[in-house]
């Protein structure tokens, strides 16, 4: 069995348990694979800062694919090095912010740029998200910030009640917003990135830079935003908690994120 040279893993629902922990068996299997010469890349809707602590637990200092592919970077405790980025067009990001702020003032608008998380206030949605990811946002005048010549929006995320999220998603189908892609990661979360951004697209660039082929990569995922990634690589692994359509598209289906699914697959190559 040929050992993969590149291992990619989604985070939430894949690498992490439902209690947001990495299983000890997963840590051990990743370290074995890296010691054997493989490169491990985390790929997530999270920011690099939101992935850094997890990378440290795994003993990694490799590239991260953040914001579902809008930013590929390396990070240390003091520095973020951008390797590739596909931000939302500035005027379009401003239009999204204005649309939501004017029509759904109860919604939480979150702008992500590099490692910065920008909000307009610290309300219940923002507090809940900060507790989940382990760091605090920066409160700014978002409309003014978006007018800055240097403003770069890698991702915009809206948090609101499901009915509000559905209404905003519908509004963003208008032709004027053709340059963005919006999808619900939860019933209460709407993730917005530039059109064409995906983990798979970021991986294709990374593979080319590393002079590898997709066949030399293995990827783990659990949701619809992982589908293209699982189809692109040589071995696409769906977690047992993935929807049926994701499992059908995968090469392999392993156990769910609360069990040793990643370890079971990696040990077939690196044990």
C-alpha atoms as a PDB file:
ATOM      1  CA  UNK A   1       0.000   0.000   0.000  1.00  0.00           C
ATOM      2  CA  UNK A   2       1.555   3.321  -1.130  1.00  0.00           C
ATOM      3  CA  UNK A   3       1.942   5.813   1.689  1.00  0.00           C
ATOM      4  CA  UNK A   4       0.269   9.206   1.103  1.00  0.00           C
ATOM      5  CA  UNK A   5       2.653  12.150   0.986  1.00  0.00           C
ATOM      6  CA  UNK A   6      -0.019  14.675   1.959  1.00  0.00           C
ATOM      7  CA  UNK A   7      -2.765  14.296   4.584  1.00  0.00           C
ATOM      8  CA  UNK A   8      -5.585  16.840   4.853  1.00  0.00           C
ATOM      9  CA  UNK A   9      -8.187  17.005   7.560  1.00  0.00           C
ATOM     10  CA  UNK A  10     -11.229  19.107   8.199  1.00  0.00           C
ATOM     11  CA  UNK A  11     -11.545  20.115  11.865  1.00  0.00           C
ATOM     12  CA  UNK A  12     -15.063  20.394  13.257  1.00  0.00           C
ATOM     13  CA  UNK A  13     -16.892  17.079  13.038  1.00  0.00           C
ATOM     14  CA  UNK A  14     -13.763  15.366  11.716  1.00  0.00           C
ATOM     15  CA  UNK A  15     -10.582  15.975  13.693  1.00  0.00           C
ATOM     16  CA  UNK A  16     -12.507  17.100  16.771  1.00  0.00           C
ATOM     17  CA  UNK A  17     -15.012  15.141  18.821  1.00  0.00           C
ATOM     18  CA  UNK A  18     -18.396  16.614  19.678  1.00  0.00           C
ATOM     19  CA  UNK A  19     -16.706  17.904  22.863  1.00  0.00           C
ATOM     20  CA  UNK A  20     -14.163  19.788  20.697  1.00  0.00           C
ATOM     21  CA  UNK A  21     -11.280  17.502  21.713  1.00  0.00           C
ATOM     22  CA  UNK A  22      -8.678  15.642  19.644  1.00  0.00           C
ATOM     23  CA  UNK A  23      -8.603  11.971  20.601  1.00  0.00           C
ATOM     24  CA  UNK A  24      -5.199  10.750  21.894  1.00  0.00           C
ATOM     25  CA  UNK A  25      -5.184   7.971  19.270  1.00  0.00           C
ATOM     26  CA  UNK A  26      -5.598  10.615  16.547  1.00  0.00           C
ATOM     27  CA  UNK A  27      -2.645  12.615  17.886  1.00  0.00           C
ATOM     28  CA  UNK A  28      -0.445   9.511  17.953  1.00  0.00           C
ATOM     29  CA  UNK A  29      -1.396   8.401  14.443  1.00  0.00           C
ATOM     30  CA  UNK A  30      -0.783  11.869  12.962  1.00  0.00           C
ATOM     31  CA  UNK A  31       2.621  12.098  14.642  1.00  0.00           C
ATOM     32  CA  UNK A  32       3.543   8.640  13.285  1.00  0.00           C
ATOM     33  CA  UNK A  33       2.562   9.711   9.775  1.00  0.00           C
ATOM     34  CA  UNK A  34       4.528  12.963   9.974  1.00  0.00           C
ATOM     35  CA  UNK A  35       7.572  11.154  11.399  1.00  0.00           C
ATOM     36  CA  UNK A  36       7.327   8.800   8.414  1.00  0.00           C
ATOM     37  CA  UNK A  37       7.603  11.752   6.025  1.00  0.00           C
ATOM     38  CA  UNK A  38       4.000  12.786   5.349  1.00  0.00           C
ATOM     39  CA  UNK A  39       2.834  16.403   5.523  1.00  0.00           C
ATOM     40  CA  UNK A  40      -0.353  17.088   7.493  1.00  0.00           C
ATOM     41  CA  UNK A  41      -2.495  20.089   6.524  1.00  0.00           C
ATOM     42  CA  UNK A  42      -5.529  21.313   8.456  1.00  0.00           C
ATOM     43  CA  UNK A  43      -8.330  22.662   6.243  1.00  0.00           C
ATOM     44  CA  UNK A  44     -11.242  24.479   7.814  1.00  0.00           C
ATOM     45  CA  UNK A  45     -13.672  27.393   7.776  1.00  0.00           C
ATOM     46  CA  UNK A  46     -11.758  28.611  10.843  1.00  0.00           C
ATOM     47  CA  UNK A  47      -9.096  31.318  10.920  1.00  0.00           C
ATOM     48  CA  UNK A  48      -5.413  30.346  11.152  1.00  0.00           C
ATOM     49  CA  UNK A  49      -5.506  31.501  14.789  1.00  0.00           C
ATOM     50  CA  UNK A  50      -8.467  29.200  15.373  1.00  0.00           C
ATOM     51  CA  UNK A  51      -6.418  26.254  14.059  1.00  0.00           C
ATOM     52  CA  UNK A  52      -3.029  27.073  15.565  1.00  0.00           C
ATOM     53  CA  UNK A  53      -3.600  25.510  18.981  1.00  0.00           C
ATOM     54  CA  UNK A  54      -4.858  22.310  17.377  1.00  0.00           C
ATOM     55  CA  UNK A  55      -1.822  22.194  15.087  1.00  0.00           C
ATOM     56  CA  UNK A  56       0.401  22.518  18.143  1.00  0.00           C
ATOM     57  CA  UNK A  57      -1.366  19.594  19.833  1.00  0.00           C
ATOM     58  CA  UNK A  58      -0.588  17.510  16.736  1.00  0.00           C
ATOM     59  CA  UNK A  59       3.020  18.698  16.620  1.00  0.00           C
ATOM     60  CA  UNK A  60       2.521  20.425  13.270  1.00  0.00           C
ATOM     61  CA  UNK A  61       4.151  23.513  11.805  1.00  0.00           C
ATOM     62  CA  UNK A  62       2.866  22.990   8.274  1.00  0.00           C
ATOM     63  CA  UNK A  63       0.592  24.985   5.989  1.00  0.00           C
ATOM     64  CA  UNK A  64      -3.045  25.646   6.950  1.00  0.00           C
ATOM     65  CA  UNK A  65      -5.990  26.107   4.599  1.00  0.00           C
ATOM     66  CA  UNK A  66      -8.262  28.623   6.359  1.00  0.00           C
ATOM     67  CA  UNK A  67     -11.685  30.131   5.669  1.00  0.00           C
ATOM     68  CA  UNK A  68     -12.679  27.153   3.502  1.00  0.00           C
ATOM     69  CA  UNK A  69      -9.835  27.898   1.088  1.00  0.00           C
ATOM     70  CA  UNK A  70      -9.871  31.709   0.967  1.00  0.00           C
ATOM     71  CA  UNK A  71      -6.504  31.857   2.763  1.00  0.00           C
ATOM     72  CA  UNK A  72      -3.552  29.471   2.713  1.00  0.00           C
ATOM     73  CA  UNK A  73      -0.908  30.377   5.267  1.00  0.00           C
ATOM     74  CA  UNK A  74       1.739  29.303   7.723  1.00  0.00           C
ATOM     75  CA  UNK A  75       1.635  30.520  11.293  1.00  0.00           C
ATOM     76  CA  UNK A  76       3.897  30.733  14.310  1.00  0.00           C
ATOM     77  CA  UNK A  77       3.070  32.111  17.741  1.00  0.00           C
ATOM     78  CA  UNK A  78       4.053  35.590  16.528  1.00  0.00           C
ATOM     79  CA  UNK A  79       3.668  35.675  12.755  1.00  0.00           C
ATOM     80  CA  UNK A  80       1.208  34.829   9.963  1.00  0.00           C
ATOM     81  CA  UNK A  81       2.768  34.208   6.539  1.00  0.00           C
ATOM     82  CA  UNK A  82       0.236  34.354   3.701  1.00  0.00           C
ATOM     83  CA  UNK A  83       0.978  31.903   0.875  1.00  0.00           C
ATOM     84  CA  UNK A  84      -2.177  32.405  -1.183  1.00  0.00           C
ATOM     85  CA  UNK A  85      -5.411  34.327  -0.722  1.00  0.00           C
ATOM     86  CA  UNK A  86      -8.714  34.765  -2.522  1.00  0.00           C
ATOM     87  CA  UNK A  87     -10.585  37.502  -0.633  1.00  0.00           C
ATOM     88  CA  UNK A  88     -14.058  38.845  -1.354  1.00  0.00           C
ATOM     89  CA  UNK A  89     -14.009  41.814  -3.736  1.00  0.00           C
ATOM     90  CA  UNK A  90     -13.981  44.908  -1.442  1.00  0.00           C
ATOM     91  CA  UNK A  91     -17.094  46.621  -2.846  1.00  0.00           C
ATOM     92  CA  UNK A  92     -18.988  43.345  -2.673  1.00  0.00           C
ATOM     93  CA  UNK A  93     -18.041  42.776   0.971  1.00  0.00           C
ATOM     94  CA  UNK A  94     -19.298  46.279   1.752  1.00  0.00           C
ATOM     95  CA  UNK A  95     -22.590  45.573  -0.043  1.00  0.00           C
ATOM     96  CA  UNK A  96     -23.111  42.390   1.992  1.00  0.00           C
ATOM     97  CA  UNK A  97     -22.436  44.224   5.255  1.00  0.00           C
ATOM     98  CA  UNK A  98     -24.793  47.064   4.297  1.00  0.00           C
ATOM     99  CA  UNK A  99     -27.579  44.705   3.169  1.00  0.00           C
ATOM    100  CA  UNK A 100     -27.549  42.716   6.408  1.00  0.00           C
ATOM    101  CA  UNK A 101     -27.076  45.678   8.764  1.00  0.00           C
ATOM    102  CA  UNK A 102     -29.954  47.616   7.205  1.00  0.00           C
ATOM    103  CA  UNK A 103     -32.466  44.793   6.765  1.00  0.00           C
ATOM    104  CA  UNK A 104     -31.647  42.395   9.620  1.00  0.00           C
ATOM    105  CA  UNK A 105     -30.153  44.493  12.448  1.00  0.00           C
ATOM    106  CA  UNK A 106     -30.624  41.576  14.861  1.00  0.00           C
ATOM    107  CA  UNK A 107     -28.090  39.497  12.898  1.00  0.00           C
ATOM    108  CA  UNK A 108     -24.423  39.329  13.919  1.00  0.00           C
ATOM    109  CA  UNK A 109     -22.028  40.299  11.101  1.00  0.00           C
ATOM    110  CA  UNK A 110     -18.495  38.925  11.435  1.00  0.00           C
ATOM    111  CA  UNK A 111     -15.636  39.922   9.133  1.00  0.00           C
ATOM    112  CA  UNK A 112     -12.459  37.825   9.029  1.00  0.00           C
ATOM    113  CA  UNK A 113      -9.199  39.185   7.654  1.00  0.00           C
ATOM    114  CA  UNK A 114      -5.988  37.247   8.215  1.00  0.00           C
ATOM    115  CA  UNK A 115      -6.099  36.487  11.929  1.00  0.00           C
ATOM    116  CA  UNK A 116      -8.445  39.364  12.795  1.00  0.00           C
ATOM    117  CA  UNK A 117     -12.097  38.828  13.662  1.00  0.00           C
ATOM    118  CA  UNK A 118     -14.064  42.073  13.410  1.00  0.00           C
ATOM    119  CA  UNK A 119     -17.536  42.652  14.883  1.00  0.00           C
ATOM    120  CA  UNK A 120     -19.707  45.712  15.420  1.00  0.00           C
ATOM    121  CA  UNK A 121     -20.586  44.827  19.026  1.00  0.00           C
ATOM    122  CA  UNK A 122     -20.156  42.127  21.663  1.00  0.00           C
ATOM    123  CA  UNK A 123     -23.628  40.639  21.856  1.00  0.00           C
ATOM    124  CA  UNK A 124     -24.835  37.132  22.664  1.00  0.00           C
ATOM    125  CA  UNK A 125     -23.896  35.679  19.267  1.00  0.00           C
ATOM    126  CA  UNK A 126     -20.370  37.069  19.425  1.00  0.00           C
ATOM    127  CA  UNK A 127     -19.903  35.908  23.023  1.00  0.00           C
ATOM    128  CA  UNK A 128     -21.068  32.409  22.121  1.00  0.00           C
ATOM    129  CA  UNK A 129     -18.664  32.215  19.183  1.00  0.00           C
ATOM    130  CA  UNK A 130     -15.735  33.553  21.234  1.00  0.00           C
ATOM    131  CA  UNK A 131     -16.335  30.881  23.861  1.00  0.00           C
ATOM    132  CA  UNK A 132     -16.319  28.197  21.168  1.00  0.00           C
ATOM    133  CA  UNK A 133     -13.128  29.230  19.380  1.00  0.00           C
ATOM    134  CA  UNK A 134     -11.157  30.485  22.364  1.00  0.00           C
ATOM    135  CA  UNK A 135     -10.356  34.098  21.470  1.00  0.00           C
ATOM    136  CA  UNK A 136     -12.086  37.476  21.398  1.00  0.00           C
ATOM    137  CA  UNK A 137     -13.061  39.608  18.394  1.00  0.00           C
ATOM    138  CA  UNK A 138     -12.176  43.243  17.795  1.00  0.00           C
ATOM    139  CA  UNK A 139     -15.101  45.716  17.928  1.00  0.00           C
ATOM    140  CA  UNK A 140     -14.968  48.187  15.016  1.00  0.00           C
ATOM    141  CA  UNK A 141     -17.177  50.323  12.824  1.00  0.00           C
ATOM    142  CA  UNK A 142     -17.487  47.693  10.095  1.00  0.00           C
ATOM    143  CA  UNK A 143     -18.826  50.022   7.394  1.00  0.00           C
ATOM    144  CA  UNK A 144     -15.910  52.418   7.923  1.00  0.00           C
ATOM    145  CA  UNK A 145     -13.364  49.589   8.093  1.00  0.00           C
ATOM    146  CA  UNK A 146     -14.599  48.154   4.776  1.00  0.00           C
ATOM    147  CA  UNK A 147     -13.972  51.520   3.078  1.00  0.00           C
ATOM    148  CA  UNK A 148     -10.277  51.425   3.933  1.00  0.00           C
ATOM    149  CA  UNK A 149      -8.045  50.898   0.850  1.00  0.00           C
ATOM    150  CA  UNK A 150      -6.184  48.123   2.678  1.00  0.00           C
ATOM    151  CA  UNK A 151      -9.320  46.243   3.822  1.00  0.00           C
ATOM    152  CA  UNK A 152      -9.173  42.552   2.886  1.00  0.00           C
ATOM    153  CA  UNK A 153     -12.159  40.332   3.723  1.00  0.00           C
ATOM    154  CA  UNK A 154     -11.329  36.629   3.531  1.00  0.00           C
ATOM    155  CA  UNK A 155     -14.703  35.624   4.959  1.00  0.00           C
ATOM    156  CA  UNK A 156     -17.910  37.168   6.214  1.00  0.00           C
ATOM    157  CA  UNK A 157     -20.041  35.104   8.584  1.00  0.00           C
ATOM    158  CA  UNK A 158     -23.587  35.920   9.638  1.00  0.00           C
ATOM    159  CA  UNK A 159     -25.033  34.490  12.860  1.00  0.00           C
ATOM    160  CA  UNK A 160     -28.784  34.727  13.462  1.00  0.00           C
ATOM    161  CA  UNK A 161     -31.947  32.710  14.010  1.00  0.00           C
ATOM    162  CA  UNK A 162     -32.561  30.094  11.286  1.00  0.00           C
ATOM    163  CA  UNK A 163     -35.394  32.050   9.643  1.00  0.00           C
ATOM    164  CA  UNK A 164     -33.198  35.151   9.396  1.00  0.00           C
ATOM    165  CA  UNK A 165     -30.291  33.149   7.972  1.00  0.00           C
ATOM    166  CA  UNK A 166     -32.608  31.667   5.361  1.00  0.00           C
ATOM    167  CA  UNK A 167     -33.870  35.124   4.381  1.00  0.00           C
ATOM    168  CA  UNK A 168     -30.337  36.524   4.062  1.00  0.00           C
ATOM    169  CA  UNK A 169     -29.206  33.525   2.024  1.00  0.00           C
ATOM    170  CA  UNK A 170     -32.158  34.109  -0.314  1.00  0.00           C
ATOM    171  CA  UNK A 171     -31.309  37.808  -0.679  1.00  0.00           C
ATOM    172  CA  UNK A 172     -27.717  36.955  -1.592  1.00  0.00           C
ATOM    173  CA  UNK A 173     -28.960  35.016  -4.617  1.00  0.00           C
ATOM    174  CA  UNK A 174     -29.494  38.360  -6.410  1.00  0.00           C
ATOM    175  CA  UNK A 175     -27.254  38.864  -9.503  1.00  0.00           C
ATOM    176  CA  UNK A 176     -25.409  41.725  -7.810  1.00  0.00           C
ATOM    177  CA  UNK A 177     -23.918  39.148  -5.413  1.00  0.00           C
ATOM    178  CA  UNK A 178     -22.732  36.745  -8.131  1.00  0.00           C
ATOM    179  CA  UNK A 179     -19.132  37.229  -6.973  1.00  0.00           C
ATOM    180  CA  UNK A 180     -19.694  35.491  -3.650  1.00  0.00           C
ATOM    181  CA  UNK A 181     -20.557  32.005  -2.471  1.00  0.00           C
ATOM    182  CA  UNK A 182     -22.776  31.585   0.617  1.00  0.00           C
ATOM    183  CA  UNK A 183     -23.672  28.410   2.458  1.00  0.00           C
ATOM    184  CA  UNK A 184     -25.044  27.412   5.845  1.00  0.00           C
ATOM    185  CA  UNK A 185     -22.511  25.609   8.043  1.00  0.00           C
ATOM    186  CA  UNK A 186     -25.190  25.434  10.762  1.00  0.00           C
ATOM    187  CA  UNK A 187     -28.864  26.473  10.699  1.00  0.00           C
ATOM    188  CA  UNK A 188     -27.763  29.654  12.484  1.00  0.00           C
ATOM    189  CA  UNK A 189     -24.489  30.329  10.589  1.00  0.00           C
ATOM    190  CA  UNK A 190     -24.116  31.645   7.034  1.00  0.00           C
ATOM    191  CA  UNK A 191     -20.553  31.538   5.681  1.00  0.00           C
ATOM    192  CA  UNK A 192     -19.680  33.889   2.801  1.00  0.00           C
ATOM    193  CA  UNK A 193     -16.500  33.724   0.691  1.00  0.00           C
ATOM    194  CA  UNK A 194     -15.513  34.771  -2.818  1.00  0.00           C
ATOM    195  CA  UNK A 195     -17.065  32.735  -5.630  1.00  0.00           C
ATOM    196  CA  UNK A 196     -14.847  29.800  -6.589  1.00  0.00           C
ATOM    197  CA  UNK A 197     -13.236  29.519  -3.157  1.00  0.00           C
ATOM    198  CA  UNK A 198     -13.105  25.982  -1.778  1.00  0.00           C
ATOM    199  CA  UNK A 199     -10.796  23.695   0.145  1.00  0.00           C
ATOM    200  CA  UNK A 200     -10.346  21.680  -3.051  1.00  0.00           C
ATOM    201  CA  UNK A 201      -9.254  24.734  -5.077  1.00  0.00           C
ATOM    202  CA  UNK A 202      -6.756  25.693  -2.368  1.00  0.00           C
ATOM    203  CA  UNK A 203      -5.463  22.121  -2.290  1.00  0.00           C
ATOM    204  CA  UNK A 204      -4.926  22.094  -6.057  1.00  0.00           C
ATOM    205  CA  UNK A 205      -2.669  25.140  -5.724  1.00  0.00           C
ATOM    206  CA  UNK A 206      -0.853  23.638  -2.746  1.00  0.00           C
ATOM    207  CA  UNK A 207      -0.304  20.334  -4.552  1.00  0.00           C
ATOM    208  CA  UNK A 208       1.117  22.158  -7.581  1.00  0.00           C
ATOM    209  CA  UNK A 209       3.441  24.202  -5.351  1.00  0.00           C
ATOM    210  CA  UNK A 210       4.647  21.023  -3.627  1.00  0.00           C
ATOM    211  CA  UNK A 211       5.065  19.261  -7.015  1.00  0.00           C
ATOM    212  CA  UNK A 212       2.711  16.459  -5.963  1.00  0.00           C
ATOM    213  CA  UNK A 213      -0.328  14.900  -7.594  1.00  0.00           C
ATOM    214  CA  UNK A 214      -3.833  14.569  -6.086  1.00  0.00           C
ATOM    215  CA  UNK A 215      -3.323  10.793  -6.094  1.00  0.00           C
ATOM    216  CA  UNK A 216      -0.593  11.239  -3.451  1.00  0.00           C
ATOM    217  CA  UNK A 217      -3.013  12.872  -0.999  1.00  0.00           C
ATOM    218  CA  UNK A 218      -5.567  11.534   1.472  1.00  0.00           C
ATOM    219  CA  UNK A 219      -8.297  13.727   2.961  1.00  0.00           C
ATOM    220  CA  UNK A 220     -10.756  13.411   5.844  1.00  0.00           C
ATOM    221  CA  UNK A 221     -14.078  15.274   5.979  1.00  0.00           C
ATOM    222  CA  UNK A 222     -17.598  15.137   7.318  1.00  0.00           C
ATOM    223  CA  UNK A 223     -19.764  17.637   5.451  1.00  0.00           C
ATOM    224  CA  UNK A 224     -20.866  19.019   2.105  1.00  0.00           C
ATOM    225  CA  UNK A 225     -18.108  21.641   2.002  1.00  0.00           C
ATOM    226  CA  UNK A 226     -15.631  18.719   2.036  1.00  0.00           C
ATOM    227  CA  UNK A 227     -17.194  16.939  -0.968  1.00  0.00           C
ATOM    228  CA  UNK A 228     -14.974  18.403  -3.693  1.00  0.00           C
ATOM    229  CA  UNK A 229     -11.909  17.808  -1.523  1.00  0.00           C
ATOM    230  CA  UNK A 230     -12.765  14.142  -0.967  1.00  0.00           C
ATOM    231  CA  UNK A 231     -13.348  13.662  -4.698  1.00  0.00           C
ATOM    232  CA  UNK A 232     -10.092  15.383  -5.677  1.00  0.00           C
ATOM    233  CA  UNK A 233      -7.607  13.324  -3.659  1.00  0.00           C
ATOM    234  CA  UNK A 234      -6.414   9.774  -4.153  1.00  0.00           C
ATOM    235  CA  UNK A 235      -8.240   8.565  -1.025  1.00  0.00           C
ATOM    236  CA  UNK A 236     -11.194  10.572   0.249  1.00  0.00           C
ATOM    237  CA  UNK A 237     -12.319   9.482   3.721  1.00  0.00           C
ATOM    238  CA  UNK A 238     -15.789  10.350   5.018  1.00  0.00           C
ATOM    239  CA  UNK A 239     -16.387  10.248   8.760  1.00  0.00           C
ATOM    240  CA  UNK A 240     -19.152   8.008  10.048  1.00  0.00           C
ATOM    241  CA  UNK A 241     -21.119  11.097  11.098  1.00  0.00           C
ATOM    242  CA  UNK A 242     -21.130  12.511   7.539  1.00  0.00           C
ATOM    243  CA  UNK A 243     -24.361  12.837   5.538  1.00  0.00           C
ATOM    244  CA  UNK A 244     -25.170   9.960   3.181  1.00  0.00           C
ATOM    245  CA  UNK A 245     -24.235  11.965   0.072  1.00  0.00           C
ATOM    246  CA  UNK A 246     -20.751  12.651   1.458  1.00  0.00           C
ATOM    247  CA  UNK A 247     -20.251   8.993   2.338  1.00  0.00           C
ATOM    248  CA  UNK A 248     -21.326   7.968  -1.167  1.00  0.00           C
ATOM    249  CA  UNK A 249     -18.774  10.293  -2.765  1.00  0.00           C
ATOM    250  CA  UNK A 250     -15.895   9.098  -0.559  1.00  0.00           C
ATOM    251  CA  UNK A 251     -13.431   6.311  -1.279  1.00  0.00           C
ATOM    252  CA  UNK A 252     -13.592   5.093   2.326  1.00  0.00           C
ATOM    253  CA  UNK A 253     -16.035   5.550   5.198  1.00  0.00           C
ATOM    254  CA  UNK A 254     -14.523   5.355   8.675  1.00  0.00           C
ATOM    255  CA  UNK A 255     -16.021   5.586  12.164  1.00  0.00           C
ATOM    256  CA  UNK A 256     -17.443   8.858  13.471  1.00  0.00           C
ATOM    257  CA  UNK A 257     -15.555  11.784  14.974  1.00  0.00           C
ATOM    258  CA  UNK A 258     -16.142  10.551  18.532  1.00  0.00           C
ATOM    259  CA  UNK A 259     -14.169   7.375  17.824  1.00  0.00           C
ATOM    260  CA  UNK A 260     -10.773   6.626  16.307  1.00  0.00           C
ATOM    261  CA  UNK A 261     -11.800   6.994  12.672  1.00  0.00           C
ATOM    262  CA  UNK A 262      -8.749   8.983  11.549  1.00  0.00           C
ATOM    263  CA  UNK A 263      -6.363   6.708  13.422  1.00  0.00           C
ATOM    264  CA  UNK A 264      -7.929   3.565  11.920  1.00  0.00           C
ATOM    265  CA  UNK A 265      -7.281   4.811   8.397  1.00  0.00           C
ATOM    266  CA  UNK A 266      -3.817   6.309   8.942  1.00  0.00           C
ATOM    267  CA  UNK A 267      -2.592   3.181  10.699  1.00  0.00           C
ATOM    268  CA  UNK A 268      -3.260   1.207   7.490  1.00  0.00           C
ATOM    269  CA  UNK A 269      -0.433   3.239   5.934  1.00  0.00           C
ATOM    270  CA  UNK A 270       1.847   4.289   8.774  1.00  0.00           C
ATOM    271  CA  UNK A 271       1.518   1.825  11.703  1.00  0.00           C
END
